[in-house]
Amino acid sequence: MEERNITPLSPAERNEIWKNTFDQIRQLEKKKRRRKRSIFTMAVVILLFSSLWTYHFFFESDVYLGGSRGFKITLGDGTKVTLLQNAKLTVAKSFPADTREVRLEGNAIFHVAKSKEHPFIVHGNGYDTKVLGTIFKIIQDGKSFNIDLYEGKVNVYKVGQANETVTMQPNHTFSNYGSSNVASVTRTNEIRDPFAKDKSATLIFNECPVSDAIKVIEKTYSINIYYPKELTNVKITVSAPNATAETFLQSLAIQLNLNIKQNNDSIFKLEK
């Protein structure tokens, strides 16, 4: 058998071999760690995506936009809503529940499916509208809140003040005239016709400055009222259901300790 002479490795060569071996081991360990991180990252992404999808599908509210031309939708209970231009309606995934609730930004017409057991509540800008089944229109602009009722009955109240409810009948309009201290319910046709005779309205003022109250009364009855200017900022609380202009002004005059003089059908003076 042929014998071979094997030359021993030099210290430098041994060190080089060990170095290469350790480098290879480190590279393998790095690949393992990167693989683990990739698997972990992918698992986190999948879990996050799954959670977002679950939240969106089962919990996140549905949002409908009126856009530039308006939009018609039918809710799960059969209620039909016409969103007017740029309106926004938010409906919880739980709808319809025991209480059917939606949130409205902007203007819309509601044709609410009737249900004696499940009230329908529209949360608007500072006001809630509660019905069982009816047709009505909500108009909101800044602080102004208005409702035109076409059919059925509607209860309107400021958010958190359901004990101070204003009840509307068909063909009536509710308005706050841009003030949370004012509530007015008037026949819709009388609002549209400034020359209508013997107008009647339900007016409610709660800690309202006299100047603001006078403006509302003038708009409601299409009349002019003169009063002592020193009373401009005096706050009043007064209400009268289905009152004519003269009847309501009598209640106001009694509270302010004033007398009424009527020059003609459309001019009234409150004097000391």
Protein backbone atom coordinates (compact mmCIF):
# COMPACT_ATOMS: atom_id res chain seq x y z
CA MET A 1 0.00 0.00 0.00
CA GLU A 2 1.32 3.39 -0.91
CA GLU A 3 2.07 5.61 2.01
CA ARG A 4 1.35 9.32 1.89
CA ASN A 5 2.97 11.96 3.95
CA ILE A 6 0.36 14.29 5.46
CA THR A 7 1.64 17.67 6.27
CA PRO A 8 0.18 18.99 9.55
CA LEU A 9 -1.91 22.18 9.35
CA SER A 10 -0.23 25.30 10.40
CA PRO A 11 -1.75 27.36 13.22
CA ALA A 12 -2.91 29.97 10.69
CA GLU A 13 -4.62 27.33 8.57
CA ARG A 14 -6.38 25.82 11.61
CA ASN A 15 -7.58 29.25 12.68
CA GLU A 16 -8.90 29.92 9.18
CA ILE A 17 -10.83 26.64 9.14
CA TRP A 18 -12.38 27.33 12.55
CA LYS A 19 -13.24 30.85 11.50
CA ASN A 20 -15.01 29.66 8.34
CA THR A 21 -16.84 26.99 10.31
CA PHE A 22 -18.08 29.49 12.91
CA ASP A 23 -19.06 31.93 10.15
CA GLN A 24 -21.18 29.25 8.51
CA ILE A 25 -22.82 28.41 11.83
CA ARG A 26 -23.59 32.08 12.46
CA GLN A 27 -25.11 32.44 8.99
CA LEU A 28 -27.32 29.40 9.61
CA GLU A 29 -28.41 30.81 12.98
CA LYS A 30 -29.20 34.19 11.40
CA LYS A 31 -31.29 32.49 8.72
CA LYS A 32 -33.18 30.57 11.39
CA ARG A 33 -33.83 33.75 13.36
CA ARG A 34 -34.95 35.61 10.22
CA ARG A 35 -37.23 32.73 9.32
CA LYS A 36 -38.72 32.76 12.81
CA ARG A 37 -39.20 36.53 12.65
CA SER A 38 -40.85 36.23 9.24
CA ILE A 39 -43.20 33.54 10.49
CA PHE A 40 -44.00 35.60 13.61
CA THR A 41 -44.52 38.77 11.55
CA MET A 42 -46.77 36.94 9.13
CA ALA A 43 -48.78 35.50 12.03
CA VAL A 44 -49.18 38.98 13.54
CA VAL A 45 -50.28 40.42 10.19
CA ILE A 46 -52.80 37.63 9.69
CA LEU A 47 -54.13 38.07 13.23
CA LEU A 48 -54.38 41.84 12.82
CA PHE A 49 -56.10 41.54 9.44
CA SER A 50 -58.48 38.95 10.85
CA SER A 51 -59.30 41.20 13.83
CA LEU A 52 -59.91 44.23 11.61
CA TRP A 53 -62.08 42.20 9.26
CA THR A 54 -64.05 40.77 12.20
CA TYR A 55 -64.54 44.24 13.71
CA HIS A 56 -65.58 45.71 10.37
CA PHE A 57 -67.93 42.86 9.52
CA PHE A 58 -69.55 42.35 12.93
CA PHE A 59 -69.10 45.55 14.99
CA GLU A 60 -68.19 48.67 12.98
CA SER A 61 -71.18 50.85 12.13
CA ASP A 62 -72.36 51.16 8.55
CA VAL A 63 -72.03 54.68 7.13
CA TYR A 64 -74.12 55.97 4.21
CA LEU A 65 -73.37 59.24 2.41
CA GLY A 66 -75.78 61.41 0.45
CA GLY A 67 -73.06 62.68 -1.87
CA SER A 68 -73.76 65.46 -4.35
CA ARG A 69 -77.04 63.97 -5.61
CA GLY A 70 -78.53 62.35 -2.52
CA PHE A 71 -78.92 58.65 -1.79
CA LYS A 72 -81.81 56.30 -1.00
CA ILE A 73 -81.41 53.31 1.31
CA THR A 74 -83.64 50.73 2.96
CA LEU A 75 -82.64 49.70 6.49
CA GLY A 76 -82.91 46.23 7.97
CA ASP A 77 -86.36 46.89 9.49
CA GLY A 78 -87.80 48.15 6.22
CA THR A 79 -87.39 51.85 7.04
CA LYS A 80 -86.68 53.90 3.92
CA VAL A 81 -84.31 56.87 4.18
CA THR A 82 -83.62 59.49 1.54
CA LEU A 83 -80.34 61.20 2.36
CA LEU A 84 -80.26 64.68 0.88
CA GLN A 85 -77.14 66.31 -0.51
CA ASN A 86 -74.00 65.71 1.60
CA ALA A 87 -75.96 64.06 4.42
CA LYS A 88 -74.44 61.24 6.46
CA LEU A 89 -76.29 58.40 8.21
CA THR A 90 -74.57 56.08 10.69
CA VAL A 91 -76.26 52.76 11.50
CA ALA A 92 -74.93 50.30 14.10
CA LYS A 93 -74.36 46.68 13.09
CA SER A 94 -76.85 45.69 15.82
CA PHE A 95 -79.67 47.52 13.98
CA PRO A 96 -82.54 46.79 14.30
CA ALA A 97 -82.39 46.16 18.06
CA ASP A 98 -85.06 46.65 20.73
CA THR A 99 -84.63 50.37 20.12
CA ARG A 100 -83.90 51.27 16.51
CA GLU A 101 -81.29 54.04 16.62
CA VAL A 102 -79.45 55.90 13.88
CA ARG A 103 -77.31 59.04 13.79
CA LEU A 104 -77.90 61.74 11.17
CA GLU A 105 -75.62 64.54 10.04
CA GLY A 106 -77.28 66.85 7.55
CA ASN A 107 -80.75 66.49 6.08
CA ALA A 108 -82.90 63.45 5.31
CA ILE A 109 -86.44 62.18 4.82
CA PHE A 110 -87.49 59.14 6.87
CA HIS A 111 -90.32 56.72 6.11
CA VAL A 112 -90.11 54.66 9.31
CA ALA A 113 -91.45 51.11 9.33
CA LYS A 114 -94.13 50.82 12.02
CA SER A 115 -93.39 48.92 15.23
CA LYS A 116 -95.17 49.53 18.54
CA GLU A 117 -92.56 47.51 20.43
CA HIS A 118 -89.41 49.01 18.90
CA PRO A 119 -89.13 52.83 18.92
CA PHE A 120 -87.10 54.47 16.18
CA ILE A 121 -84.75 57.26 17.30
CA VAL A 122 -82.83 59.64 15.06
CA HIS A 123 -79.93 61.31 16.88
CA GLY A 124 -79.35 64.71 15.26
CA ASN A 125 -77.43 67.87 16.07
CA GLY A 126 -78.34 68.33 19.71
CA TYR A 127 -81.83 66.83 19.31
CA ASP A 128 -83.34 63.35 19.32
CA THR A 129 -86.44 62.45 17.31
CA LYS A 130 -88.42 59.45 18.59
CA VAL A 131 -91.15 57.72 16.58
CA LEU A 132 -92.90 54.38 16.24
CA GLY A 133 -93.74 54.62 12.55
CA THR A 134 -94.16 57.75 10.49
CA ILE A 135 -92.92 59.96 7.65
CA PHE A 136 -90.91 63.07 8.45
CA LYS A 137 -88.10 65.26 7.20
CA ILE A 138 -85.16 66.55 9.27
CA ILE A 139 -83.32 69.71 8.22
CA GLN A 140 -80.15 70.66 10.12
CA ASP A 141 -77.94 73.65 9.46
CA GLY A 142 -75.43 74.68 12.09
CA LYS A 143 -77.43 75.22 15.29
CA SER A 144 -80.77 75.19 13.46
CA PHE A 145 -82.91 72.06 13.78
CA ASN A 146 -86.20 71.59 11.93
CA ILE A 147 -88.68 68.77 11.36
CA ASP A 148 -91.53 68.62 8.88
CA LEU A 149 -94.00 65.88 9.90
CA TYR A 150 -96.11 64.36 7.12
CA GLU A 151 -97.69 61.35 8.79
CA GLY A 152 -97.96 59.81 12.27
CA LYS A 153 -96.65 61.35 15.49
CA VAL A 154 -93.16 62.47 16.53
CA ASN A 155 -91.58 63.27 19.88
CA VAL A 156 -88.70 65.76 19.80
CA TYR A 157 -86.37 66.60 22.67
CA LYS A 158 -82.91 67.93 23.31
CA VAL A 159 -80.25 65.28 23.89
CA GLY A 160 -80.40 64.08 27.49
CA GLN A 161 -83.72 65.85 28.17
CA ALA A 162 -86.33 63.28 27.21
CA ASN A 163 -88.51 64.54 30.09
CA GLU A 164 -88.99 67.81 28.15
CA THR A 165 -90.54 66.33 25.03
CA VAL A 166 -92.39 68.29 22.36
CA THR A 167 -95.02 66.17 20.59
CA MET A 168 -95.83 66.87 16.94
CA GLN A 169 -98.91 66.07 14.89
CA PRO A 170 -99.08 65.61 11.09
CA ASN A 171 -98.63 68.66 8.86
CA HIS A 172 -96.73 70.53 11.56
CA THR A 173 -93.18 71.85 11.63
CA PHE A 174 -90.81 71.95 14.59
CA SER A 175 -88.06 74.56 14.68
CA ASN A 176 -85.60 75.83 17.26
CA TYR A 177 -84.78 78.89 15.15
CA GLY A 178 -81.08 78.30 15.76
CA SER A 179 -81.31 78.41 19.57
CA SER A 180 -81.37 75.54 22.06
CA ASN A 181 -83.56 77.74 24.30
CA VAL A 182 -86.41 77.82 21.77
CA ALA A 183 -88.96 75.26 20.62
CA SER A 184 -91.68 76.07 18.12
CA VAL A 185 -94.37 73.87 16.57
CA THR A 186 -96.47 75.46 13.84
CA ARG A 187 -98.74 74.24 11.05
CA THR A 188 -96.49 73.73 8.04
CA ASN A 189 -98.80 75.53 5.63
CA GLU A 190 -98.90 78.59 7.90
CA ILE A 191 -95.11 78.81 7.90
CA ARG A 192 -95.10 78.69 4.11
CA ASP A 193 -97.86 81.32 3.86
CA PRO A 194 -96.94 84.58 5.62
CA PHE A 195 -100.45 85.96 4.96
CA ALA A 196 -102.31 83.10 6.65
CA LYS A 197 -104.99 84.35 9.07
CA ASP A 198 -105.44 83.34 12.73
CA LYS A 199 -102.12 81.52 12.98
CA SER A 200 -101.59 79.36 16.04
CA ALA A 201 -98.39 77.81 17.33
CA THR A 202 -96.86 76.09 20.31
CA LEU A 203 -93.95 78.19 21.52
CA ILE A 204 -91.58 77.29 24.33
CA PHE A 205 -88.85 79.57 25.64
CA ASN A 206 -86.47 78.39 28.35
CA GLU A 207 -84.16 81.03 29.85
CA CYS A 208 -84.26 82.80 26.50
CA PRO A 209 -83.28 86.48 26.06
CA VAL A 210 -86.27 88.69 25.28
CA SER A 211 -84.67 89.91 22.04
CA ASP A 212 -84.36 86.34 20.71
CA ALA A 213 -87.88 85.45 21.81
CA ILE A 214 -89.34 88.50 20.07
CA LYS A 215 -87.58 87.56 16.81
CA VAL A 216 -89.06 84.06 16.96
CA ILE A 217 -92.55 85.36 17.71
CA GLU A 218 -92.33 87.81 14.82
CA LYS A 219 -91.21 85.06 12.41
CA THR A 220 -93.83 82.63 13.65
CA TYR A 221 -96.82 84.95 13.36
CA SER A 222 -95.54 87.33 10.65
CA ILE A 223 -95.99 90.35 12.91
CA ASN A 224 -93.92 93.28 14.21
CA ILE A 225 -93.40 93.80 17.93
CA TYR A 226 -92.03 96.86 19.69
CA TYR A 227 -90.80 96.56 23.28
CA PRO A 228 -88.64 98.48 25.80
CA LYS A 229 -85.02 98.00 24.74
CA GLU A 230 -83.82 97.79 28.34
CA LEU A 231 -85.45 94.36 28.41
CA THR A 232 -83.32 93.08 25.50
CA ASN A 233 -81.15 90.74 27.56
CA VAL A 234 -83.72 89.81 30.21
CA LYS A 235 -84.23 86.04 30.14
CA ILE A 236 -87.72 84.55 30.10
CA THR A 237 -89.24 81.10 30.51
CA VAL A 238 -92.69 80.83 29.04
CA SER A 239 -94.73 78.34 27.02
CA ALA A 240 -98.17 78.25 25.46
CA PRO A 241 -99.73 75.43 23.40
CA ASN A 242 -101.62 76.25 20.21
CA ALA A 243 -101.62 79.96 20.98
CA THR A 244 -102.42 82.84 18.66
CA ALA A 245 -100.08 85.84 18.54
CA GLU A 246 -102.33 87.87 20.85
CA THR A 247 -102.71 85.03 23.36
CA PHE A 248 -98.98 84.38 23.51
CA LEU A 249 -98.10 88.06 23.82
CA GLN A 250 -100.52 88.33 26.73
CA SER A 251 -98.59 85.59 28.55
CA LEU A 252 -95.32 87.33 27.75
CA ALA A 253 -96.63 90.74 28.87
CA ILE A 254 -97.78 89.33 32.21
CA GLN A 255 -94.32 87.86 32.88
CA LEU A 256 -92.59 91.13 31.94
CA ASN A 257 -95.20 93.28 33.71
CA LEU A 258 -96.05 95.15 30.51
CA ASN A 259 -99.20 96.23 28.71
CA ILE A 260 -100.16 95.35 25.13
CA LYS A 261 -101.29 97.78 22.48
CA GLN A 262 -102.30 96.54 19.05
CA ASN A 263 -102.24 99.08 16.22
CA ASN A 264 -103.51 96.67 13.55
CA ASP A 265 -103.44 92.98 12.72
CA SER A 266 -99.66 92.89 12.41
CA ILE A 267 -98.21 95.54 14.79
CA PHE A 268 -98.07 95.07 18.58
CA LYS A 269 -96.48 97.24 21.25
CA LEU A 270 -95.39 96.08 24.70
CA GLU A 271 -95.27 99.09 26.99
CA LYS A 272 -94.82 99.83 30.68
